[in-house]
Amino acid sequence: MKVMRRFLVAAIAALALAGCAGRPASGPGTLVDTTRGVAGPLREQGTLVPHEAIAPRGPYVLDTGDRLRVVVFGQEGLTNSYAVDSTGNIAMPLIGAVPASGRSTEALGREIASRLRGGYIRDPSVSVEIDTYRPFFIMGEVTAGGQFPFVNGMTVQNAIAIAGGFTPRANRWSIEVTRKVDGQLYRADVPLTHQMVPGDTIVVRERWF
């Protein structure tokens, strides 16, 4: 019996070591895809980076799904709410499609003014503000995953609360965010306090045990 017991203990230990060897360590800021057990870039889903690398910096960058309030002072026919469409443009009277994706609201306002100045309005004054941010997405081990409106100043913890909180099987220390930065998708393991931006996709993983 003692020999058999020692054999079982040794076998269990070997299996545990093998499992650890096949699963890289996870946690905030690691270069690890803990859903697939591999490290390195997976370009079709986003390059893996430390979470600090995708922290919001600089002015907000527009993208498809944002809705904007464009005010052209003294021009009621041009002042309106415009959506950034699937091509990354907004469609305005007189000047047609204006590229918005990848620009700040200030840069877009300057572009609109420049186009209006080219034969339509002598000295246009243009203001662009965010009317509605594009939504964020959350899936995995949350009560009610899906698409939700973005609220300025949100953290990952706020997003999980909006989705009904964690399920009993959730790994609360293994949360992934996919984010577009400068036109490139990146993925990172993030802490609950990580600041979100519109368009983020959050995945809450399942516990292994």
N, C-alpha and C. Protein backbone atom coordinates (compact mmCIF):
# COMPACT_ATOMS: atom_id res chain seq x y z
N MET A 1 0.83 -1.20 0.00
CA MET A 1 0.00 0.00 0.00
C MET A 1 0.87 1.27 0.00
N LYS A 2 2.00 1.22 0.82
CA LYS A 2 2.87 2.39 0.87
C LYS A 2 3.51 2.66 -0.48
N VAL A 3 3.89 1.57 -1.17
CA VAL A 3 4.49 1.73 -2.50
C VAL A 3 3.48 2.35 -3.45
N MET A 4 2.24 1.85 -3.43
CA MET A 4 1.19 2.37 -4.30
C MET A 4 0.91 3.84 -3.99
N ARG A 5 0.88 4.20 -2.69
CA ARG A 5 0.62 5.59 -2.30
C ARG A 5 1.71 6.50 -2.83
N ARG A 6 2.99 6.05 -2.68
CA ARG A 6 4.10 6.86 -3.17
C ARG A 6 4.02 7.04 -4.69
N PHE A 7 3.58 5.98 -5.38
CA PHE A 7 3.46 6.04 -6.84
C PHE A 7 2.39 7.06 -7.25
N LEU A 8 1.24 7.05 -6.55
CA LEU A 8 0.16 7.98 -6.88
C LEU A 8 0.57 9.42 -6.61
N VAL A 9 1.25 9.64 -5.48
CA VAL A 9 1.72 11.00 -5.17
C VAL A 9 2.68 11.49 -6.23
N ALA A 10 3.61 10.60 -6.66
CA ALA A 10 4.58 10.98 -7.69
C ALA A 10 3.88 11.29 -9.01
N ALA A 11 2.87 10.48 -9.35
CA ALA A 11 2.15 10.68 -10.61
C ALA A 11 1.40 12.01 -10.60
N ILE A 12 0.73 12.32 -9.47
CA ILE A 12 -0.01 13.58 -9.38
C ILE A 12 0.93 14.76 -9.47
N ALA A 13 2.09 14.66 -8.81
CA ALA A 13 3.07 15.75 -8.87
C ALA A 13 3.58 15.96 -10.28
N ALA A 14 3.81 14.86 -11.00
CA ALA A 14 4.30 14.97 -12.38
C ALA A 14 3.28 15.65 -13.27
N LEU A 15 1.99 15.29 -13.10
CA LEU A 15 0.93 15.92 -13.89
C LEU A 15 0.83 17.41 -13.59
N ALA A 16 0.95 17.75 -12.32
CA ALA A 16 0.88 19.17 -11.94
C ALA A 16 2.00 19.97 -12.57
N LEU A 17 3.22 19.40 -12.54
CA LEU A 17 4.36 20.08 -13.15
C LEU A 17 4.19 20.22 -14.64
N ALA A 18 3.66 19.20 -15.27
CA ALA A 18 3.44 19.27 -16.72
C ALA A 18 2.43 20.34 -17.05
N GLY A 19 1.36 20.45 -16.24
CA GLY A 19 0.35 21.48 -16.48
C GLY A 19 0.93 22.86 -16.34
N CYS A 20 1.80 23.06 -15.31
CA CYS A 20 2.42 24.37 -15.12
C CYS A 20 3.34 24.71 -16.27
N ALA A 21 4.05 23.70 -16.78
CA ALA A 21 4.98 23.94 -17.88
C ALA A 21 4.24 24.37 -19.13
N GLY A 22 3.00 23.86 -19.33
CA GLY A 22 2.25 24.19 -20.53
C GLY A 22 1.45 25.47 -20.41
N ARG A 23 1.38 26.07 -19.20
CA ARG A 23 0.60 27.28 -18.99
C ARG A 23 1.50 28.39 -18.50
N PRO A 24 1.87 29.33 -19.36
CA PRO A 24 2.71 30.43 -18.90
C PRO A 24 2.02 31.22 -17.82
N ALA A 25 2.80 31.86 -16.96
CA ALA A 25 2.22 32.67 -15.90
C ALA A 25 1.45 33.83 -16.51
N SER A 26 0.34 34.18 -15.87
CA SER A 26 -0.45 35.30 -16.35
C SER A 26 -0.43 36.39 -15.31
N GLY A 27 -1.06 37.51 -15.63
CA GLY A 27 -1.14 38.61 -14.69
C GLY A 27 -0.96 39.92 -15.40
N PRO A 28 -1.30 41.03 -14.76
CA PRO A 28 -1.20 42.33 -15.41
C PRO A 28 0.19 42.61 -15.96
N GLY A 29 0.23 43.00 -17.23
CA GLY A 29 1.48 43.43 -17.82
C GLY A 29 2.34 42.34 -18.42
N THR A 30 1.88 41.09 -18.47
CA THR A 30 2.70 40.04 -19.06
C THR A 30 2.49 39.96 -20.56
N LEU A 31 3.49 39.43 -21.26
CA LEU A 31 3.39 39.23 -22.70
C LEU A 31 2.91 37.81 -22.97
N VAL A 32 1.77 37.45 -22.41
CA VAL A 32 1.29 36.07 -22.47
C VAL A 32 -0.16 36.03 -22.90
N ASP A 33 -0.47 35.14 -23.84
CA ASP A 33 -1.86 34.86 -24.18
C ASP A 33 -2.30 33.70 -23.31
N THR A 34 -2.93 34.01 -22.20
CA THR A 34 -3.30 32.95 -21.27
C THR A 34 -4.51 32.16 -21.72
N THR A 35 -5.20 32.60 -22.77
CA THR A 35 -6.31 31.80 -23.30
C THR A 35 -5.80 30.65 -24.15
N ARG A 36 -4.62 30.80 -24.76
CA ARG A 36 -4.09 29.75 -25.64
C ARG A 36 -2.80 29.13 -25.11
N GLY A 37 -2.25 29.72 -24.06
CA GLY A 37 -1.03 29.16 -23.48
C GLY A 37 0.21 29.41 -24.29
N VAL A 38 0.25 30.51 -25.03
CA VAL A 38 1.43 30.82 -25.83
C VAL A 38 1.81 32.28 -25.61
N ALA A 39 3.08 32.58 -25.88
CA ALA A 39 3.55 33.96 -25.76
C ALA A 39 3.91 34.47 -27.14
N GLY A 40 3.81 35.79 -27.30
CA GLY A 40 4.20 36.38 -28.57
C GLY A 40 3.03 36.97 -29.31
N PRO A 41 3.27 37.63 -30.45
CA PRO A 41 2.21 38.33 -31.17
C PRO A 41 1.28 37.37 -31.91
N LEU A 42 -0.01 37.63 -31.83
CA LEU A 42 -1.02 36.95 -32.63
C LEU A 42 -1.73 38.04 -33.42
N ARG A 43 -1.23 38.32 -34.60
CA ARG A 43 -1.60 39.56 -35.26
C ARG A 43 -3.06 39.63 -35.68
N GLU A 44 -3.70 38.50 -35.94
CA GLU A 44 -5.09 38.57 -36.34
C GLU A 44 -6.01 39.00 -35.20
N GLN A 45 -5.54 38.86 -33.96
CA GLN A 45 -6.34 39.27 -32.82
C GLN A 45 -5.69 40.40 -32.03
N GLY A 46 -4.51 40.79 -32.40
CA GLY A 46 -3.84 41.88 -31.71
C GLY A 46 -2.52 41.44 -31.11
N THR A 47 -1.53 42.31 -31.21
CA THR A 47 -0.22 42.03 -30.63
C THR A 47 -0.29 42.15 -29.12
N LEU A 48 0.35 41.19 -28.43
CA LEU A 48 0.34 41.18 -26.96
C LEU A 48 1.35 42.17 -26.41
N VAL A 49 0.90 43.02 -25.47
CA VAL A 49 1.75 44.04 -24.89
C VAL A 49 1.44 44.18 -23.41
N PRO A 50 2.35 44.78 -22.63
CA PRO A 50 2.02 45.11 -21.24
C PRO A 50 0.86 46.10 -21.19
N HIS A 51 0.07 46.05 -20.13
CA HIS A 51 -1.12 46.90 -20.09
C HIS A 51 -0.75 48.39 -20.07
N GLU A 52 0.44 48.73 -19.56
CA GLU A 52 0.84 50.14 -19.56
C GLU A 52 0.97 50.68 -20.99
N ALA A 53 1.27 49.79 -21.93
CA ALA A 53 1.49 50.22 -23.31
C ALA A 53 0.22 50.69 -23.99
N ILE A 54 -0.96 50.28 -23.50
CA ILE A 54 -2.21 50.70 -24.12
C ILE A 54 -2.96 51.70 -23.25
N ALA A 55 -2.31 52.22 -22.20
CA ALA A 55 -2.97 53.21 -21.34
C ALA A 55 -3.33 54.44 -22.17
N PRO A 56 -4.51 55.02 -21.95
CA PRO A 56 -4.92 56.20 -22.73
C PRO A 56 -3.93 57.34 -22.56
N ARG A 57 -3.55 57.94 -23.69
CA ARG A 57 -2.63 59.08 -23.68
C ARG A 57 -3.07 60.07 -24.75
N GLY A 58 -2.88 61.34 -24.46
CA GLY A 58 -3.16 62.37 -25.45
C GLY A 58 -4.64 62.54 -25.69
N PRO A 59 -4.99 63.31 -26.73
CA PRO A 59 -6.40 63.57 -27.02
C PRO A 59 -7.11 62.31 -27.50
N TYR A 60 -8.42 62.28 -27.30
CA TYR A 60 -9.22 61.15 -27.74
C TYR A 60 -9.20 61.05 -29.26
N VAL A 61 -9.07 59.81 -29.75
CA VAL A 61 -8.99 59.56 -31.19
C VAL A 61 -10.32 58.96 -31.66
N LEU A 62 -10.89 59.56 -32.67
CA LEU A 62 -12.20 59.14 -33.19
C LEU A 62 -12.08 57.84 -33.96
N ASP A 63 -13.22 57.13 -34.02
CA ASP A 63 -13.28 55.90 -34.82
C ASP A 63 -14.73 55.59 -35.14
N THR A 64 -14.91 54.56 -35.98
CA THR A 64 -16.25 54.14 -36.38
C THR A 64 -17.12 53.87 -35.16
N GLY A 65 -18.35 54.39 -35.19
CA GLY A 65 -19.29 54.19 -34.09
C GLY A 65 -19.45 55.41 -33.22
N ASP A 66 -18.50 56.34 -33.26
CA ASP A 66 -18.66 57.59 -32.52
C ASP A 66 -19.70 58.47 -33.22
N ARG A 67 -20.45 59.20 -32.42
CA ARG A 67 -21.38 60.19 -32.98
C ARG A 67 -20.93 61.57 -32.50
N LEU A 68 -20.86 62.52 -33.45
CA LEU A 68 -20.28 63.82 -33.17
C LEU A 68 -21.30 64.93 -33.33
N ARG A 69 -21.12 65.97 -32.54
CA ARG A 69 -21.90 67.20 -32.71
C ARG A 69 -20.99 68.23 -33.36
N VAL A 70 -21.29 68.55 -34.61
CA VAL A 70 -20.50 69.52 -35.37
C VAL A 70 -21.29 70.83 -35.42
N VAL A 71 -20.67 71.89 -34.94
CA VAL A 71 -21.29 73.21 -34.95
C VAL A 71 -20.48 74.11 -35.88
N VAL A 72 -21.14 74.60 -36.92
CA VAL A 72 -20.54 75.61 -37.80
C VAL A 72 -21.28 76.91 -37.49
N PHE A 73 -20.63 77.79 -36.79
CA PHE A 73 -21.30 78.99 -36.26
C PHE A 73 -21.88 79.84 -37.38
N GLY A 74 -23.17 80.17 -37.20
CA GLY A 74 -23.88 80.97 -38.19
C GLY A 74 -24.38 80.17 -39.37
N GLN A 75 -24.23 78.84 -39.35
CA GLN A 75 -24.64 77.99 -40.48
C GLN A 75 -25.52 76.84 -39.95
N GLU A 76 -26.80 77.13 -39.79
CA GLU A 76 -27.71 76.12 -39.22
C GLU A 76 -27.83 74.89 -40.10
N GLY A 77 -27.70 75.04 -41.39
CA GLY A 77 -27.81 73.91 -42.31
C GLY A 77 -26.67 72.92 -42.20
N LEU A 78 -25.55 73.36 -41.64
CA LEU A 78 -24.38 72.49 -41.49
C LEU A 78 -24.24 71.97 -40.06
N THR A 79 -24.77 72.69 -39.11
CA THR A 79 -24.69 72.29 -37.70
C THR A 79 -25.63 71.12 -37.46
N ASN A 80 -25.05 69.99 -37.02
CA ASN A 80 -25.87 68.78 -36.86
C ASN A 80 -25.07 67.72 -36.11
N SER A 81 -25.72 66.57 -35.89
CA SER A 81 -25.07 65.39 -35.32
C SER A 81 -24.70 64.45 -36.46
N TYR A 82 -23.44 64.00 -36.46
CA TYR A 82 -22.94 63.15 -37.54
C TYR A 82 -22.28 61.90 -36.95
N ALA A 83 -22.58 60.74 -37.55
CA ALA A 83 -21.97 59.49 -37.10
C ALA A 83 -20.73 59.19 -37.94
N VAL A 84 -19.69 58.67 -37.28
CA VAL A 84 -18.53 58.18 -38.01
C VAL A 84 -18.89 56.80 -38.56
N ASP A 85 -18.96 56.69 -39.89
CA ASP A 85 -19.48 55.47 -40.50
C ASP A 85 -18.41 54.38 -40.61
N SER A 86 -18.77 53.28 -41.25
CA SER A 86 -17.88 52.11 -41.32
C SER A 86 -16.61 52.39 -42.11
N THR A 87 -16.61 53.44 -42.93
CA THR A 87 -15.41 53.80 -43.68
C THR A 87 -14.54 54.80 -42.91
N GLY A 88 -15.01 55.22 -41.73
CA GLY A 88 -14.25 56.17 -40.92
C GLY A 88 -14.53 57.61 -41.26
N ASN A 89 -15.58 57.88 -42.04
CA ASN A 89 -15.90 59.24 -42.47
C ASN A 89 -17.18 59.76 -41.82
N ILE A 90 -17.34 61.06 -41.85
CA ILE A 90 -18.64 61.66 -41.60
C ILE A 90 -19.08 62.31 -42.91
N ALA A 91 -20.38 62.33 -43.18
CA ALA A 91 -20.90 62.89 -44.44
C ALA A 91 -21.62 64.18 -44.12
N MET A 92 -21.08 65.30 -44.64
CA MET A 92 -21.65 66.61 -44.38
C MET A 92 -22.16 67.26 -45.67
N PRO A 93 -23.15 68.13 -45.55
CA PRO A 93 -23.59 68.88 -46.73
C PRO A 93 -22.44 69.73 -47.29
N LEU A 94 -22.49 70.01 -48.55
CA LEU A 94 -21.52 70.83 -49.28
C LEU A 94 -20.18 70.13 -49.49
N ILE A 95 -19.56 69.62 -48.41
CA ILE A 95 -18.19 69.10 -48.53
C ILE A 95 -18.14 67.57 -48.58
N GLY A 96 -19.26 66.90 -48.42
CA GLY A 96 -19.30 65.45 -48.57
C GLY A 96 -18.60 64.69 -47.46
N ALA A 97 -17.92 63.59 -47.82
CA ALA A 97 -17.27 62.71 -46.84
C ALA A 97 -15.99 63.35 -46.32
N VAL A 98 -15.89 63.41 -45.00
CA VAL A 98 -14.68 63.96 -44.36
C VAL A 98 -14.08 62.88 -43.48
N PRO A 99 -12.81 62.50 -43.68
CA PRO A 99 -12.19 61.47 -42.84
C PRO A 99 -12.14 61.90 -41.38
N ALA A 100 -12.68 61.05 -40.50
CA ALA A 100 -12.70 61.36 -39.07
C ALA A 100 -11.90 60.34 -38.26
N SER A 101 -11.92 59.08 -38.69
CA SER A 101 -11.24 58.03 -37.93
C SER A 101 -9.75 58.31 -37.81
N GLY A 102 -9.22 58.18 -36.59
CA GLY A 102 -7.81 58.42 -36.35
C GLY A 102 -7.48 59.86 -36.02
N ARG A 103 -8.49 60.73 -36.03
CA ARG A 103 -8.26 62.14 -35.74
C ARG A 103 -8.84 62.51 -34.37
N SER A 104 -8.34 63.58 -33.80
CA SER A 104 -8.97 64.17 -32.62
C SER A 104 -10.12 65.06 -33.07
N THR A 105 -10.97 65.47 -32.14
CA THR A 105 -12.07 66.38 -32.49
C THR A 105 -11.51 67.72 -32.99
N GLU A 106 -10.40 68.17 -32.40
CA GLU A 106 -9.81 69.44 -32.82
C GLU A 106 -9.29 69.35 -34.26
N ALA A 107 -8.61 68.24 -34.58
CA ALA A 107 -8.07 68.07 -35.93
C ALA A 107 -9.21 67.96 -36.95
N LEU A 108 -10.29 67.28 -36.58
CA LEU A 108 -11.42 67.16 -37.50
C LEU A 108 -12.06 68.53 -37.72
N GLY A 109 -12.19 69.31 -36.65
CA GLY A 109 -12.74 70.66 -36.80
C GLY A 109 -11.92 71.51 -37.76
N ARG A 110 -10.60 71.40 -37.67
CA ARG A 110 -9.74 72.17 -38.58
C ARG A 110 -9.92 71.71 -40.02
N GLU A 111 -10.07 70.38 -40.21
CA GLU A 111 -10.25 69.86 -41.57
C GLU A 111 -11.57 70.33 -42.16
N ILE A 112 -12.62 70.30 -41.37
CA ILE A 112 -13.93 70.77 -41.86
C ILE A 112 -13.85 72.25 -42.23
N ALA A 113 -13.23 73.05 -41.36
CA ALA A 113 -13.10 74.48 -41.64
C ALA A 113 -12.31 74.72 -42.92
N SER A 114 -11.25 73.95 -43.12
CA SER A 114 -10.42 74.11 -44.31
C SER A 114 -11.22 73.81 -45.57
N ARG A 115 -12.03 72.75 -45.51
CA ARG A 115 -12.82 72.40 -46.70
C ARG A 115 -13.92 73.43 -46.97
N LEU A 116 -14.54 73.94 -45.91
CA LEU A 116 -15.58 74.96 -46.10
C LEU A 116 -14.98 76.25 -46.63
N ARG A 117 -13.76 76.53 -46.22
CA ARG A 117 -13.08 77.74 -46.68
C ARG A 117 -12.74 77.68 -48.17
N GLY A 118 -12.68 76.46 -48.70
CA GLY A 118 -12.32 76.28 -50.11
C GLY A 118 -13.48 76.50 -51.05
N GLY A 119 -14.12 77.65 -50.96
CA GLY A 119 -15.14 78.01 -51.94
C GLY A 119 -16.56 78.07 -51.40
N TYR A 120 -16.76 77.83 -50.11
CA TYR A 120 -18.12 77.81 -49.58
C TYR A 120 -18.37 78.92 -48.55
N ILE A 121 -17.50 79.02 -47.54
CA ILE A 121 -17.67 80.01 -46.48
C ILE A 121 -16.34 80.75 -46.32
N ARG A 122 -16.40 82.06 -46.23
CA ARG A 122 -15.17 82.86 -46.22
C ARG A 122 -14.32 82.58 -44.98
N ASP A 123 -14.92 82.64 -43.81
CA ASP A 123 -14.14 82.46 -42.58
C ASP A 123 -14.93 81.58 -41.60
N PRO A 124 -15.00 80.26 -41.87
CA PRO A 124 -15.83 79.39 -41.03
C PRO A 124 -15.24 79.17 -39.64
N SER A 125 -16.12 79.12 -38.66
CA SER A 125 -15.73 78.79 -37.29
C SER A 125 -16.42 77.47 -36.92
N VAL A 126 -15.61 76.45 -36.67
CA VAL A 126 -16.15 75.09 -36.50
C VAL A 126 -15.77 74.52 -35.14
N SER A 127 -16.73 73.90 -34.49
CA SER A 127 -16.50 73.22 -33.22
C SER A 127 -17.01 71.78 -33.35
N VAL A 128 -16.20 70.81 -32.88
CA VAL A 128 -16.59 69.40 -32.91
C VAL A 128 -16.51 68.84 -31.50
N GLU A 129 -17.59 68.21 -31.05
CA GLU A 129 -17.63 67.59 -29.74
C GLU A 129 -18.17 66.16 -29.86
N ILE A 130 -17.85 65.33 -28.88
CA ILE A 130 -18.39 63.96 -28.84
C ILE A 130 -19.84 64.03 -28.38
N ASP A 131 -20.73 63.52 -29.20
CA ASP A 131 -22.13 63.42 -28.82
C ASP A 131 -22.37 62.11 -28.08
N THR A 132 -21.94 60.99 -28.71
CA THR A 132 -22.03 59.66 -28.09
C THR A 132 -20.78 58.87 -28.45
N TYR A 133 -20.12 58.32 -27.45
CA TYR A 133 -18.95 57.48 -27.71
C TYR A 133 -19.37 56.13 -28.30
N ARG A 134 -18.48 55.52 -29.08
CA ARG A 134 -18.74 54.16 -29.55
C ARG A 134 -18.79 53.21 -28.35
N PRO A 135 -19.54 52.11 -28.46
CA PRO A 135 -19.74 51.23 -27.30
C PRO A 135 -18.50 50.39 -27.00
N PHE A 136 -18.52 49.75 -25.83
CA PHE A 136 -17.51 48.74 -25.51
C PHE A 136 -18.19 47.38 -25.47
N PHE A 137 -17.39 46.33 -25.50
CA PHE A 137 -17.90 44.96 -25.52
C PHE A 137 -17.26 44.18 -24.37
N ILE A 138 -18.05 43.29 -23.76
CA ILE A 138 -17.52 42.47 -22.68
C ILE A 138 -18.08 41.06 -22.81
N MET A 139 -17.24 40.07 -22.61
CA MET A 139 -17.66 38.67 -22.76
C MET A 139 -16.89 37.81 -21.77
N GLY A 140 -17.24 36.54 -21.76
CA GLY A 140 -16.58 35.61 -20.84
C GLY A 140 -17.38 35.44 -19.57
N GLU A 141 -16.69 35.37 -18.45
CA GLU A 141 -17.32 35.02 -17.17
C GLU A 141 -17.90 36.25 -16.46
N VAL A 142 -18.91 36.85 -17.14
CA VAL A 142 -19.71 37.91 -16.52
C VAL A 142 -21.18 37.50 -16.65
N THR A 143 -22.02 38.09 -15.82
CA THR A 143 -23.43 37.68 -15.78
C THR A 143 -24.15 37.95 -17.09
N ALA A 144 -23.90 39.10 -17.69
CA ALA A 144 -24.62 39.47 -18.91
C ALA A 144 -23.66 40.16 -19.87
N GLY A 145 -22.96 39.38 -20.66
CA GLY A 145 -22.03 39.96 -21.62
C GLY A 145 -22.75 40.60 -22.78
N GLY A 146 -22.03 41.39 -23.55
CA GLY A 146 -22.60 42.02 -24.73
C GLY A 146 -21.99 43.37 -25.01
N GLN A 147 -22.78 44.20 -25.68
CA GLN A 147 -22.35 45.55 -26.06
C GLN A 147 -23.04 46.56 -25.15
N PHE A 148 -22.25 47.53 -24.64
CA PHE A 148 -22.80 48.51 -23.70
C PHE A 148 -22.30 49.90 -24.05
N PRO A 149 -23.10 50.92 -23.71
CA PRO A 149 -22.65 52.30 -23.95
C PRO A 149 -21.44 52.64 -23.09
N PHE A 150 -20.52 53.37 -23.67
CA PHE A 150 -19.34 53.79 -22.93
C PHE A 150 -19.65 55.06 -22.13
N VAL A 151 -19.11 55.09 -20.91
CA VAL A 151 -19.24 56.28 -20.06
C VAL A 151 -17.83 56.81 -19.79
N ASN A 152 -17.63 58.08 -20.00
CA ASN A 152 -16.30 58.67 -19.83
C ASN A 152 -15.77 58.44 -18.42
N GLY A 153 -14.50 58.03 -18.32
CA GLY A 153 -13.89 57.79 -17.02
C GLY A 153 -14.03 56.37 -16.50
N MET A 154 -14.58 55.46 -17.31
CA MET A 154 -14.80 54.09 -16.88
C MET A 154 -13.49 53.34 -16.64
N THR A 155 -13.53 52.41 -15.68
CA THR A 155 -12.47 51.43 -15.50
C THR A 155 -13.01 50.06 -15.87
N VAL A 156 -12.12 49.07 -15.94
CA VAL A 156 -12.56 47.70 -16.22
C VAL A 156 -13.54 47.22 -15.15
N GLN A 157 -13.29 47.59 -13.91
CA GLN A 157 -14.20 47.20 -12.83
C GLN A 157 -15.60 47.77 -13.03
N ASN A 158 -15.70 49.01 -13.48
CA ASN A 158 -17.00 49.61 -13.79
C ASN A 158 -17.71 48.82 -14.88
N ALA A 159 -16.95 48.45 -15.92
CA ALA A 159 -17.53 47.71 -17.04
C ALA A 159 -18.09 46.36 -16.59
N ILE A 160 -17.36 45.67 -15.72
CA ILE A 160 -17.81 44.38 -15.22
C ILE A 160 -19.07 44.56 -14.39
N ALA A 161 -19.15 45.63 -13.61
CA ALA A 161 -20.35 45.91 -12.83
C ALA A 161 -21.55 46.15 -13.73
N ILE A 162 -21.35 46.89 -14.83
CA ILE A 162 -22.43 47.13 -15.79
C ILE A 162 -22.92 45.83 -16.39
N ALA A 163 -22.01 44.87 -16.59
CA ALA A 163 -22.36 43.56 -17.16
C ALA A 163 -22.89 42.59 -16.10
N GLY A 164 -23.22 43.07 -14.93
CA GLY A 164 -23.83 42.24 -13.91
C GLY A 164 -22.87 41.59 -12.95
N GLY A 165 -21.58 41.89 -13.07
CA GLY A 165 -20.59 41.32 -12.16
C GLY A 165 -20.04 39.99 -12.65
N PHE A 166 -19.11 39.45 -11.87
CA PHE A 166 -18.48 38.18 -12.19
C PHE A 166 -19.44 37.00 -11.99
N THR A 167 -19.23 35.94 -12.77
CA THR A 167 -19.89 34.66 -12.49
C THR A 167 -19.08 33.93 -11.43
N PRO A 168 -19.64 32.88 -10.81
CA PRO A 168 -18.87 32.12 -9.82
C PRO A 168 -17.60 31.49 -10.38
N ARG A 169 -17.55 31.28 -11.71
CA ARG A 169 -16.38 30.64 -12.32
C ARG A 169 -15.35 31.63 -12.82
N ALA A 170 -15.55 32.90 -12.58
CA ALA A 170 -14.65 33.92 -13.14
C ALA A 170 -13.30 33.92 -12.45
N ASN A 171 -12.27 34.13 -13.25
CA ASN A 171 -10.93 34.37 -12.72
C ASN A 171 -10.77 35.89 -12.62
N ARG A 172 -10.88 36.41 -11.43
CA ARG A 172 -10.90 37.86 -11.23
C ARG A 172 -9.54 38.50 -11.43
N TRP A 173 -8.51 37.68 -11.61
CA TRP A 173 -7.16 38.19 -11.82
C TRP A 173 -6.64 37.87 -13.22
N SER A 174 -7.55 37.49 -14.11
CA SER A 174 -7.16 37.18 -15.48
C SER A 174 -8.16 37.82 -16.43
N ILE A 175 -7.96 39.10 -16.69
CA ILE A 175 -8.87 39.90 -17.52
C ILE A 175 -8.08 40.48 -18.67
N GLU A 176 -8.61 40.34 -19.87
CA GLU A 176 -7.92 40.77 -21.08
C GLU A 176 -8.69 41.90 -21.75
N VAL A 177 -7.96 42.88 -22.25
CA VAL A 177 -8.55 43.96 -23.03
C VAL A 177 -7.90 43.98 -24.41
N THR A 178 -8.74 44.06 -25.44
CA THR A 178 -8.26 44.29 -26.81
C THR A 178 -8.60 45.72 -27.18
N ARG A 179 -7.60 46.45 -27.68
CA ARG A 179 -7.78 47.88 -27.95
C ARG A 179 -7.05 48.27 -29.22
N LYS A 180 -7.64 49.20 -29.96
CA LYS A 180 -6.97 49.74 -31.14
C LYS A 180 -6.19 50.99 -30.74
N VAL A 181 -4.90 50.99 -31.06
CA VAL A 181 -4.04 52.14 -30.80
C VAL A 181 -3.30 52.46 -32.09
N ASP A 182 -3.48 53.68 -32.58
CA ASP A 182 -2.83 54.10 -33.85
C ASP A 182 -3.13 53.13 -34.98
N GLY A 183 -4.37 52.66 -35.03
CA GLY A 183 -4.80 51.78 -36.11
C GLY A 183 -4.42 50.32 -35.95
N GLN A 184 -3.69 49.98 -34.90
CA GLN A 184 -3.23 48.60 -34.68
C GLN A 184 -3.93 48.02 -33.45
N LEU A 185 -4.37 46.75 -33.55
CA LEU A 185 -4.99 46.10 -32.40
C LEU A 185 -3.92 45.55 -31.46
N TYR A 186 -4.14 45.76 -30.17
CA TYR A 186 -3.26 45.23 -29.13
C TYR A 186 -4.10 44.55 -28.07
N ARG A 187 -3.50 43.52 -27.43
CA ARG A 187 -4.15 42.84 -26.31
C ARG A 187 -3.24 42.86 -25.11
N ALA A 188 -3.85 42.98 -23.94
CA ALA A 188 -3.06 43.01 -22.71
C ALA A 188 -3.88 42.46 -21.55
N ASP A 189 -3.21 41.76 -20.64
CA ASP A 189 -3.81 41.41 -19.36
C ASP A 189 -3.81 42.67 -18.50
N VAL A 190 -4.95 43.00 -17.91
CA VAL A 190 -5.07 44.28 -17.22
C VAL A 190 -5.61 44.10 -15.80
N PRO A 191 -5.31 45.04 -14.91
CA PRO A 191 -5.92 45.04 -13.58
C PRO A 191 -7.32 45.65 -13.64
N LEU A 192 -8.10 45.46 -12.58
CA LEU A 192 -9.46 45.99 -12.54
C LEU A 192 -9.48 47.51 -12.61
N THR A 193 -8.41 48.14 -12.19
CA THR A 193 -8.36 49.61 -12.17
C THR A 193 -7.96 50.21 -13.52
N HIS A 194 -7.73 49.37 -14.52
CA HIS A 194 -7.27 49.87 -15.82
C HIS A 194 -8.32 50.79 -16.45
N GLN A 195 -7.88 51.93 -16.95
CA GLN A 195 -8.76 52.90 -17.58
C GLN A 195 -9.19 52.41 -18.96
N MET A 196 -10.48 52.45 -19.22
CA MET A 196 -11.01 52.00 -20.52
C MET A 196 -11.09 53.16 -21.51
N VAL A 197 -11.20 52.77 -22.79
CA VAL A 197 -11.51 53.74 -23.84
C VAL A 197 -12.64 53.15 -24.68
N PRO A 198 -13.39 54.00 -25.40
CA PRO A 198 -14.46 53.48 -26.24
C PRO A 198 -13.94 52.45 -27.25
N GLY A 199 -14.77 51.44 -27.52
CA GLY A 199 -14.41 50.41 -28.48
C GLY A 199 -13.64 49.25 -27.89
N ASP A 200 -13.28 49.31 -26.61
CA ASP A 200 -12.57 48.20 -25.96
C ASP A 200 -13.40 46.93 -25.98
N THR A 201 -12.71 45.79 -26.08
CA THR A 201 -13.33 44.48 -25.87
C THR A 201 -12.67 43.83 -24.66
N ILE A 202 -13.49 43.48 -23.67
CA ILE A 202 -13.00 42.88 -22.43
C ILE A 202 -13.38 41.41 -22.41
N VAL A 203 -12.44 40.56 -22.02
CA VAL A 203 -12.71 39.13 -21.83
C VAL A 203 -12.32 38.77 -20.40
N VAL A 204 -13.31 38.25 -19.64
CA VAL A 204 -13.04 37.75 -18.30
C VAL A 204 -12.93 36.24 -18.40
N ARG A 205 -11.77 35.70 -18.05
CA ARG A 205 -11.51 34.28 -18.25
C ARG A 205 -12.08 33.43 -17.12
N GLU A 206 -12.18 32.15 -17.39
CA GLU A 206 -12.66 31.16 -16.41
C GLU A 206 -11.52 30.68 -15.54
N ARG A 207 -11.82 30.40 -14.29
CA ARG A 207 -10.82 29.83 -13.38
C ARG A 207 -10.49 28.41 -13.84
N TRP A 208 -9.24 27.99 -13.61
CA TRP A 208 -8.83 26.63 -13.92
C TRP A 208 -9.32 25.65 -12.88
N PHE A 209 -9.55 26.12 -11.66
CA PHE A 209 -10.01 25.21 -10.60
C PHE A 209 -10.84 26.02 -9.60
